[in-house]
Amino acid sequence: MPRFVTFACFAFALAACGGSAMPDPKDAVKAYADAAARGDADTIHAMMSAKAQRSLSREDVRRIVAEERSELADQAKSLAAPGVTIKAHARMRYADGEDATLELEGGVFRISAADALPAGAKTPAQALEQLRRVLARRSYAGLLRVLSPSTRSAIENDLRSLVEGLEHPEGLEVQVSGDRATVQVPGGHEVKLRREAGVWHVEDFD
C-alpha cells in the first residue's frame, strides 16, 4: 500500500472516534482531500492518530508528502469524485485478546463481526485464528460455527444420536470395574466413566 493511502486511513479512523457526538466521516474525508490537494503535510500530520504520529514525525510526513505530491493530488481528485462511498469502521479489542468490528451505518455503529459472531474467514490463517479463539473461550457453539458444513453436520448427527441413546440411562447396561465403568449406548456409542473421590465423571465418549 502506498504511503499516501495510509494517510487516508488515518483520517477515516478519526471520524470513527471522539466524544458523545459522532463526527461525520465525510468531513474527515473532505479535510484530508483538501490537505492532499494542497500538499499540506502539517494538516495531514494533525489528522493522524496519536499512534500514527508516534510512528511518523511531522518531518517524516513532510518528506513523504514532498516525494509523493503528484500521487496525493490524484488521490484528492478521486476522493472528491461523484459517487464516492465512505465507510467508517471501528475495532474494539478486549483485555482477553478478543475483538469486535463495528461499521457506521445511518449514523450509528452496527456489528459487522465479533469473535462470538465471526465473519467468514477469507484465508486459512483467519480460519485458524477463529478456531483458536473459540477453543480459548471453551465455546461449543463457536466451535461448530468454524467447522465446515459437512463436519458440523456429522458432529451434530452423532451428538443427536447420543442424546437419543441416553434418553433412559437407568435402562442401560453398565459394566463396572473398580472405579471405572463402560456403557454401550444405542446408536453405536460408548461412554466411559471414572469415579474420583466418590463421584462418577464421564471420562470419554464416542
C-alpha atoms as a PDB file:
ATOM      1  CA  MET A   1       0.000   0.000   0.000  1.00  0.00           C
ATOM      2  CA  PRO A   2       1.464   3.412  -0.965  1.00  0.00           C
ATOM      3  CA  ARG A   3       2.257   5.595   1.994  1.00  0.00           C
ATOM      4  CA  PHE A   4      -0.159   8.343   0.925  1.00  0.00           C
ATOM      5  CA  VAL A   5      -3.033   5.831   1.069  1.00  0.00           C
ATOM      6  CA  THR A   6      -2.150   5.162   4.685  1.00  0.00           C
ATOM      7  CA  PHE A   7      -2.769   8.824   5.465  1.00  0.00           C
ATOM      8  CA  ALA A   8      -6.316   8.452   4.203  1.00  0.00           C
ATOM      9  CA  CYS A   9      -6.841   5.503   6.517  1.00  0.00           C
ATOM     10  CA  PHE A  10      -5.688   7.594   9.460  1.00  0.00           C
ATOM     11  CA  ALA A  11      -8.109  10.342   8.505  1.00  0.00           C
ATOM     12  CA  PHE A  12     -11.020   7.942   8.222  1.00  0.00           C
ATOM     13  CA  ALA A  13     -10.186   6.438  11.588  1.00  0.00           C
ATOM     14  CA  LEU A  14     -10.534   9.836  13.214  1.00  0.00           C
ATOM     15  CA  ALA A  15     -14.110  10.012  12.008  1.00  0.00           C
ATOM     16  CA  ALA A  16     -14.918   6.875  13.996  1.00  0.00           C
ATOM     17  CA  CYS A  17     -13.604   8.305  17.259  1.00  0.00           C
ATOM     18  CA  GLY A  18     -14.494  11.160  19.543  1.00  0.00           C
ATOM     19  CA  GLY A  19     -16.885  12.083  22.323  1.00  0.00           C
ATOM     20  CA  SER A  20     -20.649  11.812  22.559  1.00  0.00           C
ATOM     21  CA  ALA A  21     -21.239  13.493  19.182  1.00  0.00           C
ATOM     22  CA  MET A  22     -20.228  11.253  16.281  1.00  0.00           C
ATOM     23  CA  PRO A  23     -18.244  13.195  13.639  1.00  0.00           C
ATOM     24  CA  ASP A  24     -19.390  12.808  10.055  1.00  0.00           C
ATOM     25  CA  PRO A  25     -16.804  10.706   8.146  1.00  0.00           C
ATOM     26  CA  LYS A  26     -17.428  12.915   5.107  1.00  0.00           C
ATOM     27  CA  ASP A  27     -15.932  15.863   6.972  1.00  0.00           C
ATOM     28  CA  ALA A  28     -12.723  13.945   7.634  1.00  0.00           C
ATOM     29  CA  VAL A  29     -12.543  12.772   4.016  1.00  0.00           C
ATOM     30  CA  LYS A  30     -13.061  16.304   2.685  1.00  0.00           C
ATOM     31  CA  ALA A  31     -10.460  17.733   5.075  1.00  0.00           C
ATOM     32  CA  TYR A  32      -7.954  15.090   4.029  1.00  0.00           C
ATOM     33  CA  ALA A  33      -8.711  15.550   0.328  1.00  0.00           C
ATOM     34  CA  ASP A  34      -8.206  19.302   0.648  1.00  0.00           C
ATOM     35  CA  ALA A  35      -4.924  18.823   2.522  1.00  0.00           C
ATOM     36  CA  ALA A  36      -3.744  16.244  -0.019  1.00  0.00           C
ATOM     37  CA  ALA A  37      -4.569  18.565  -2.922  1.00  0.00           C
ATOM     38  CA  ARG A  38      -2.559  21.365  -1.306  1.00  0.00           C
ATOM     39  CA  GLY A  39       0.269  19.085  -0.237  1.00  0.00           C
ATOM     40  CA  ASP A  40      -0.322  20.329   3.297  1.00  0.00           C
ATOM     41  CA  ALA A  41       1.841  17.959   5.346  1.00  0.00           C
ATOM     42  CA  ASP A  42       1.161  19.734   8.647  1.00  0.00           C
ATOM     43  CA  THR A  43      -2.613  19.306   8.325  1.00  0.00           C
ATOM     44  CA  ILE A  44      -2.220  15.687   7.300  1.00  0.00           C
ATOM     45  CA  HIS A  45       0.020  15.038  10.298  1.00  0.00           C
ATOM     46  CA  ALA A  46      -2.521  16.710  12.605  1.00  0.00           C
ATOM     47  CA  MET A  47      -5.248  14.372  11.302  1.00  0.00           C
ATOM     48  CA  MET A  48      -3.234  11.280  12.110  1.00  0.00           C
ATOM     49  CA  SER A  49      -3.910   9.259  15.242  1.00  0.00           C
ATOM     50  CA  ALA A  50      -1.579   9.542  18.223  1.00  0.00           C
ATOM     51  CA  LYS A  51      -0.192   6.085  17.432  1.00  0.00           C
ATOM     52  CA  ALA A  52       0.488   7.071  13.832  1.00  0.00           C
ATOM     53  CA  GLN A  53       2.167  10.284  14.936  1.00  0.00           C
ATOM     54  CA  ARG A  54       4.494   8.269  17.135  1.00  0.00           C
ATOM     55  CA  SER A  55       5.490   6.244  14.085  1.00  0.00           C
ATOM     56  CA  LEU A  56       5.832   9.200  11.710  1.00  0.00           C
ATOM     57  CA  SER A  57       7.069  12.574  12.900  1.00  0.00           C
ATOM     58  CA  ARG A  58       5.961  15.831  11.326  1.00  0.00           C
ATOM     59  CA  GLU A  59       9.237  15.932   9.400  1.00  0.00           C
ATOM     60  CA  ASP A  60       8.652  12.369   8.163  1.00  0.00           C
ATOM     61  CA  VAL A  61       5.234  13.351   6.852  1.00  0.00           C
ATOM     62  CA  ARG A  62       6.612  16.466   5.173  1.00  0.00           C
ATOM     63  CA  ARG A  63       9.247  14.377   3.403  1.00  0.00           C
ATOM     64  CA  ILE A  64       6.741  11.763   2.253  1.00  0.00           C
ATOM     65  CA  VAL A  65       4.280  14.390   1.036  1.00  0.00           C
ATOM     66  CA  ALA A  66       7.066  16.128  -0.896  1.00  0.00           C
ATOM     67  CA  GLU A  67       8.062  12.835  -2.515  1.00  0.00           C
ATOM     68  CA  GLU A  68       4.528  11.822  -3.406  1.00  0.00           C
ATOM     69  CA  ARG A  69       2.933  15.180  -4.171  1.00  0.00           C
ATOM     70  CA  SER A  70       1.554  14.075  -7.547  1.00  0.00           C
ATOM     71  CA  GLU A  71       0.078  10.859  -6.124  1.00  0.00           C
ATOM     72  CA  LEU A  72      -1.578  12.841  -3.345  1.00  0.00           C
ATOM     73  CA  ALA A  73      -3.081  15.239  -5.854  1.00  0.00           C
ATOM     74  CA  ASP A  74      -4.522  12.334  -7.855  1.00  0.00           C
ATOM     75  CA  GLN A  75      -5.921  10.801  -4.697  1.00  0.00           C
ATOM     76  CA  ALA A  76      -7.525  14.092  -3.713  1.00  0.00           C
ATOM     77  CA  LYS A  77      -9.331  14.166  -7.067  1.00  0.00           C
ATOM     78  CA  SER A  78     -10.516  10.592  -6.592  1.00  0.00           C
ATOM     79  CA  LEU A  79     -11.866  11.318  -3.113  1.00  0.00           C
ATOM     80  CA  ALA A  80     -13.798  14.318  -4.409  1.00  0.00           C
ATOM     81  CA  ALA A  81     -15.271  12.477  -7.389  1.00  0.00           C
ATOM     82  CA  PRO A  82     -19.056  11.942  -7.556  1.00  0.00           C
ATOM     83  CA  GLY A  83     -20.333   8.627  -6.288  1.00  0.00           C
ATOM     84  CA  VAL A  84     -17.512   8.034  -3.812  1.00  0.00           C
ATOM     85  CA  THR A  85     -18.714   5.782  -0.987  1.00  0.00           C
ATOM     86  CA  ILE A  86     -17.390   6.449   2.501  1.00  0.00           C
ATOM     87  CA  LYS A  87     -17.412   3.775   5.181  1.00  0.00           C
ATOM     88  CA  ALA A  88     -16.304   4.188   8.785  1.00  0.00           C
ATOM     89  CA  HIS A  89     -15.099   1.229  10.825  1.00  0.00           C
ATOM     90  CA  ALA A  90     -14.162   0.807  14.458  1.00  0.00           C
ATOM     91  CA  ARG A  91     -12.388  -2.089  16.139  1.00  0.00           C
ATOM     92  CA  MET A  92     -12.653  -2.847  19.839  1.00  0.00           C
ATOM     93  CA  ARG A  93     -10.091  -5.145  21.441  1.00  0.00           C
ATOM     94  CA  TYR A  94     -10.889  -6.615  24.857  1.00  0.00           C
ATOM     95  CA  ALA A  95      -8.494  -7.435  27.662  1.00  0.00           C
ATOM     96  CA  ASP A  96      -8.683 -11.161  26.855  1.00  0.00           C
ATOM     97  CA  GLY A  97      -7.483 -10.546  23.296  1.00  0.00           C
ATOM     98  CA  GLU A  98     -10.845 -10.932  21.549  1.00  0.00           C
ATOM     99  CA  ASP A  99     -12.249  -8.127  19.463  1.00  0.00           C
ATOM    100  CA  ALA A 100     -15.293  -6.838  17.605  1.00  0.00           C
ATOM    101  CA  THR A 101     -15.525  -4.833  14.392  1.00  0.00           C
ATOM    102  CA  LEU A 102     -18.186  -2.158  14.002  1.00  0.00           C
ATOM    103  CA  GLU A 103     -19.359  -0.346  10.866  1.00  0.00           C
ATOM    104  CA  LEU A 104     -21.061   3.039  10.782  1.00  0.00           C
ATOM    105  CA  GLU A 105     -24.479   2.874   9.093  1.00  0.00           C
ATOM    106  CA  GLY A 106     -27.124   5.553   9.258  1.00  0.00           C
ATOM    107  CA  GLY A 107     -25.253   7.472  11.932  1.00  0.00           C
ATOM    108  CA  VAL A 108     -24.938   4.505  14.309  1.00  0.00           C
ATOM    109  CA  PHE A 109     -22.338   1.762  14.645  1.00  0.00           C
ATOM    110  CA  ARG A 110     -23.506  -1.758  13.905  1.00  0.00           C
ATOM    111  CA  ILE A 111     -21.634  -5.024  14.478  1.00  0.00           C
ATOM    112  CA  SER A 112     -20.040  -6.299  11.302  1.00  0.00           C
ATOM    113  CA  ALA A 113     -18.021  -9.047  13.009  1.00  0.00           C
ATOM    114  CA  ALA A 114     -17.240 -10.242  16.512  1.00  0.00           C
ATOM    115  CA  ASP A 115     -15.487 -13.246  17.973  1.00  0.00           C
ATOM    116  CA  ALA A 116     -18.856 -14.555  19.155  1.00  0.00           C
ATOM    117  CA  LEU A 117     -20.304 -13.795  15.701  1.00  0.00           C
ATOM    118  CA  PRO A 118     -17.333 -14.386  13.381  1.00  0.00           C
ATOM    119  CA  ALA A 119     -17.363 -13.254   9.780  1.00  0.00           C
ATOM    120  CA  GLY A 120     -16.500 -15.795   7.112  1.00  0.00           C
ATOM    121  CA  ALA A 121     -12.753 -16.465   7.047  1.00  0.00           C
ATOM    122  CA  LYS A 122     -11.171 -15.197   3.830  1.00  0.00           C
ATOM    123  CA  THR A 123      -7.848 -17.018   4.375  1.00  0.00           C
ATOM    124  CA  PRO A 124      -6.709 -20.240   6.107  1.00  0.00           C
ATOM    125  CA  ALA A 125      -4.934 -18.094   8.706  1.00  0.00           C
ATOM    126  CA  GLN A 126      -8.204 -16.353   9.579  1.00  0.00           C
ATOM    127  CA  ALA A 127      -9.950 -19.719   9.965  1.00  0.00           C
ATOM    128  CA  LEU A 128      -7.194 -20.917  12.301  1.00  0.00           C
ATOM    129  CA  GLU A 129      -7.459 -17.702  14.325  1.00  0.00           C
ATOM    130  CA  GLN A 130     -11.202 -18.241  14.716  1.00  0.00           C
ATOM    131  CA  LEU A 131     -10.553 -21.813  15.861  1.00  0.00           C
ATOM    132  CA  ARG A 132      -8.023 -20.610  18.441  1.00  0.00           C
ATOM    133  CA  ARG A 133     -10.455 -18.065  19.823  1.00  0.00           C
ATOM    134  CA  VAL A 134     -13.416 -20.408  20.209  1.00  0.00           C
ATOM    135  CA  LEU A 135     -11.191 -23.022  21.849  1.00  0.00           C
ATOM    136  CA  ALA A 136      -9.822 -20.379  24.226  1.00  0.00           C
ATOM    137  CA  ARG A 137     -13.411 -19.444  25.170  1.00  0.00           C
ATOM    138  CA  ARG A 138     -14.349 -23.117  25.518  1.00  0.00           C
ATOM    139  CA  SER A 139     -17.263 -22.242  23.248  1.00  0.00           C
ATOM    140  CA  TYR A 140     -19.020 -25.285  21.800  1.00  0.00           C
ATOM    141  CA  ALA A 141     -21.361 -23.115  19.709  1.00  0.00           C
ATOM    142  CA  GLY A 142     -18.418 -21.120  18.433  1.00  0.00           C
ATOM    143  CA  LEU A 143     -16.539 -24.294  17.561  1.00  0.00           C
ATOM    144  CA  LEU A 144     -19.428 -25.544  15.439  1.00  0.00           C
ATOM    145  CA  ARG A 145     -19.519 -22.237  13.561  1.00  0.00           C
ATOM    146  CA  VAL A 146     -15.907 -22.503  12.399  1.00  0.00           C
ATOM    147  CA  LEU A 147     -16.223 -26.119  11.225  1.00  0.00           C
ATOM    148  CA  SER A 148     -17.075 -26.959   7.626  1.00  0.00           C
ATOM    149  CA  PRO A 149     -20.795 -27.642   6.974  1.00  0.00           C
ATOM    150  CA  SER A 150     -20.159 -31.367   6.411  1.00  0.00           C
ATOM    151  CA  THR A 151     -18.105 -31.777   9.597  1.00  0.00           C
ATOM    152  CA  ARG A 152     -20.596 -29.728  11.595  1.00  0.00           C
ATOM    153  CA  SER A 153     -23.472 -31.852  10.292  1.00  0.00           C
ATOM    154  CA  ALA A 154     -21.646 -35.098  11.142  1.00  0.00           C
ATOM    155  CA  ILE A 155     -20.901 -33.952  14.690  1.00  0.00           C
ATOM    156  CA  GLU A 156     -24.444 -32.730  15.258  1.00  0.00           C
ATOM    157  CA  ASN A 157     -25.834 -36.027  13.966  1.00  0.00           C
ATOM    158  CA  ASP A 158     -23.521 -38.015  16.259  1.00  0.00           C
ATOM    159  CA  LEU A 159     -24.470 -35.904  19.265  1.00  0.00           C
ATOM    160  CA  ARG A 160     -28.161 -36.146  18.432  1.00  0.00           C
ATOM    161  CA  SER A 161     -27.858 -39.930  18.247  1.00  0.00           C
ATOM    162  CA  LEU A 162     -26.025 -39.973  21.582  1.00  0.00           C
ATOM    163  CA  VAL A 163     -28.688 -37.814  23.212  1.00  0.00           C
ATOM    164  CA  GLU A 164     -31.403 -40.140  21.970  1.00  0.00           C
ATOM    165  CA  GLY A 165     -29.468 -43.211  23.164  1.00  0.00           C
ATOM    166  CA  LEU A 166     -29.128 -41.708  26.659  1.00  0.00           C
ATOM    167  CA  GLU A 167     -32.802 -40.876  26.943  1.00  0.00           C
ATOM    168  CA  HIS A 168     -33.340 -43.656  29.517  1.00  0.00           C
ATOM    169  CA  PRO A 169     -29.937 -44.068  31.256  1.00  0.00           C
ATOM    170  CA  GLU A 170     -31.353 -46.208  34.041  1.00  0.00           C
ATOM    171  CA  GLY A 171     -32.129 -48.938  31.481  1.00  0.00           C
ATOM    172  CA  LEU A 172     -28.607 -49.138  30.056  1.00  0.00           C
ATOM    173  CA  GLU A 173     -26.225 -51.925  30.987  1.00  0.00           C
ATOM    174  CA  VAL A 174     -23.232 -50.564  32.891  1.00  0.00           C
ATOM    175  CA  GLN A 175     -20.052 -52.649  33.127  1.00  0.00           C
ATOM    176  CA  VAL A 176     -18.234 -51.593  36.301  1.00  0.00           C
ATOM    177  CA  SER A 177     -14.641 -52.498  37.080  1.00  0.00           C
ATOM    178  CA  GLY A 178     -13.448 -50.831  40.246  1.00  0.00           C
ATOM    179  CA  ASP A 179     -13.501 -47.098  39.742  1.00  0.00           C
ATOM    180  CA  ARG A 180     -14.117 -47.363  36.018  1.00  0.00           C
ATOM    181  CA  ALA A 181     -17.269 -48.134  34.052  1.00  0.00           C
ATOM    182  CA  THR A 182     -18.198 -48.610  30.404  1.00  0.00           C
ATOM    183  CA  VAL A 183     -21.659 -48.192  28.897  1.00  0.00           C
ATOM    184  CA  GLN A 184     -22.746 -49.276  25.432  1.00  0.00           C
ATOM    185  CA  VAL A 185     -25.316 -46.765  24.198  1.00  0.00           C
ATOM    186  CA  PRO A 186     -27.834 -47.473  21.408  1.00  0.00           C
ATOM    187  CA  GLY A 187     -26.699 -45.965  18.129  1.00  0.00           C
ATOM    188  CA  GLY A 188     -23.204 -47.435  18.337  1.00  0.00           C
ATOM    189  CA  HIS A 189     -21.861 -45.134  21.052  1.00  0.00           C
ATOM    190  CA  GLU A 190     -19.707 -45.984  24.031  1.00  0.00           C
ATOM    191  CA  VAL A 191     -19.360 -43.918  27.180  1.00  0.00           C
ATOM    192  CA  LYS A 192     -16.507 -44.383  29.644  1.00  0.00           C
ATOM    193  CA  LEU A 193     -16.843 -43.209  33.231  1.00  0.00           C
ATOM    194  CA  ARG A 194     -14.437 -42.868  36.127  1.00  0.00           C
ATOM    195  CA  ARG A 195     -15.054 -42.449  39.833  1.00  0.00           C
ATOM    196  CA  GLU A 196     -12.949 -39.919  41.715  1.00  0.00           C
ATOM    197  CA  ALA A 197     -13.467 -39.078  45.402  1.00  0.00           C
ATOM    198  CA  GLY A 198     -16.727 -40.984  45.312  1.00  0.00           C
ATOM    199  CA  VAL A 199     -18.115 -39.041  42.314  1.00  0.00           C
ATOM    200  CA  TRP A 200     -18.632 -40.551  38.872  1.00  0.00           C
ATOM    201  CA  HIS A 201     -17.470 -38.452  35.914  1.00  0.00           C
ATOM    202  CA  VAL A 202     -17.706 -39.008  32.157  1.00  0.00           C
ATOM    203  CA  GLU A 203     -14.128 -39.724  31.047  1.00  0.00           C
ATOM    204  CA  ASP A 204     -14.703 -40.226  27.344  1.00  0.00           C
ATOM    205  CA  PHE A 205     -17.422 -40.933  24.795  1.00  0.00           C
ATOM    206  CA  ASP A 206     -17.725 -41.614  21.103  1.00  0.00           C
END
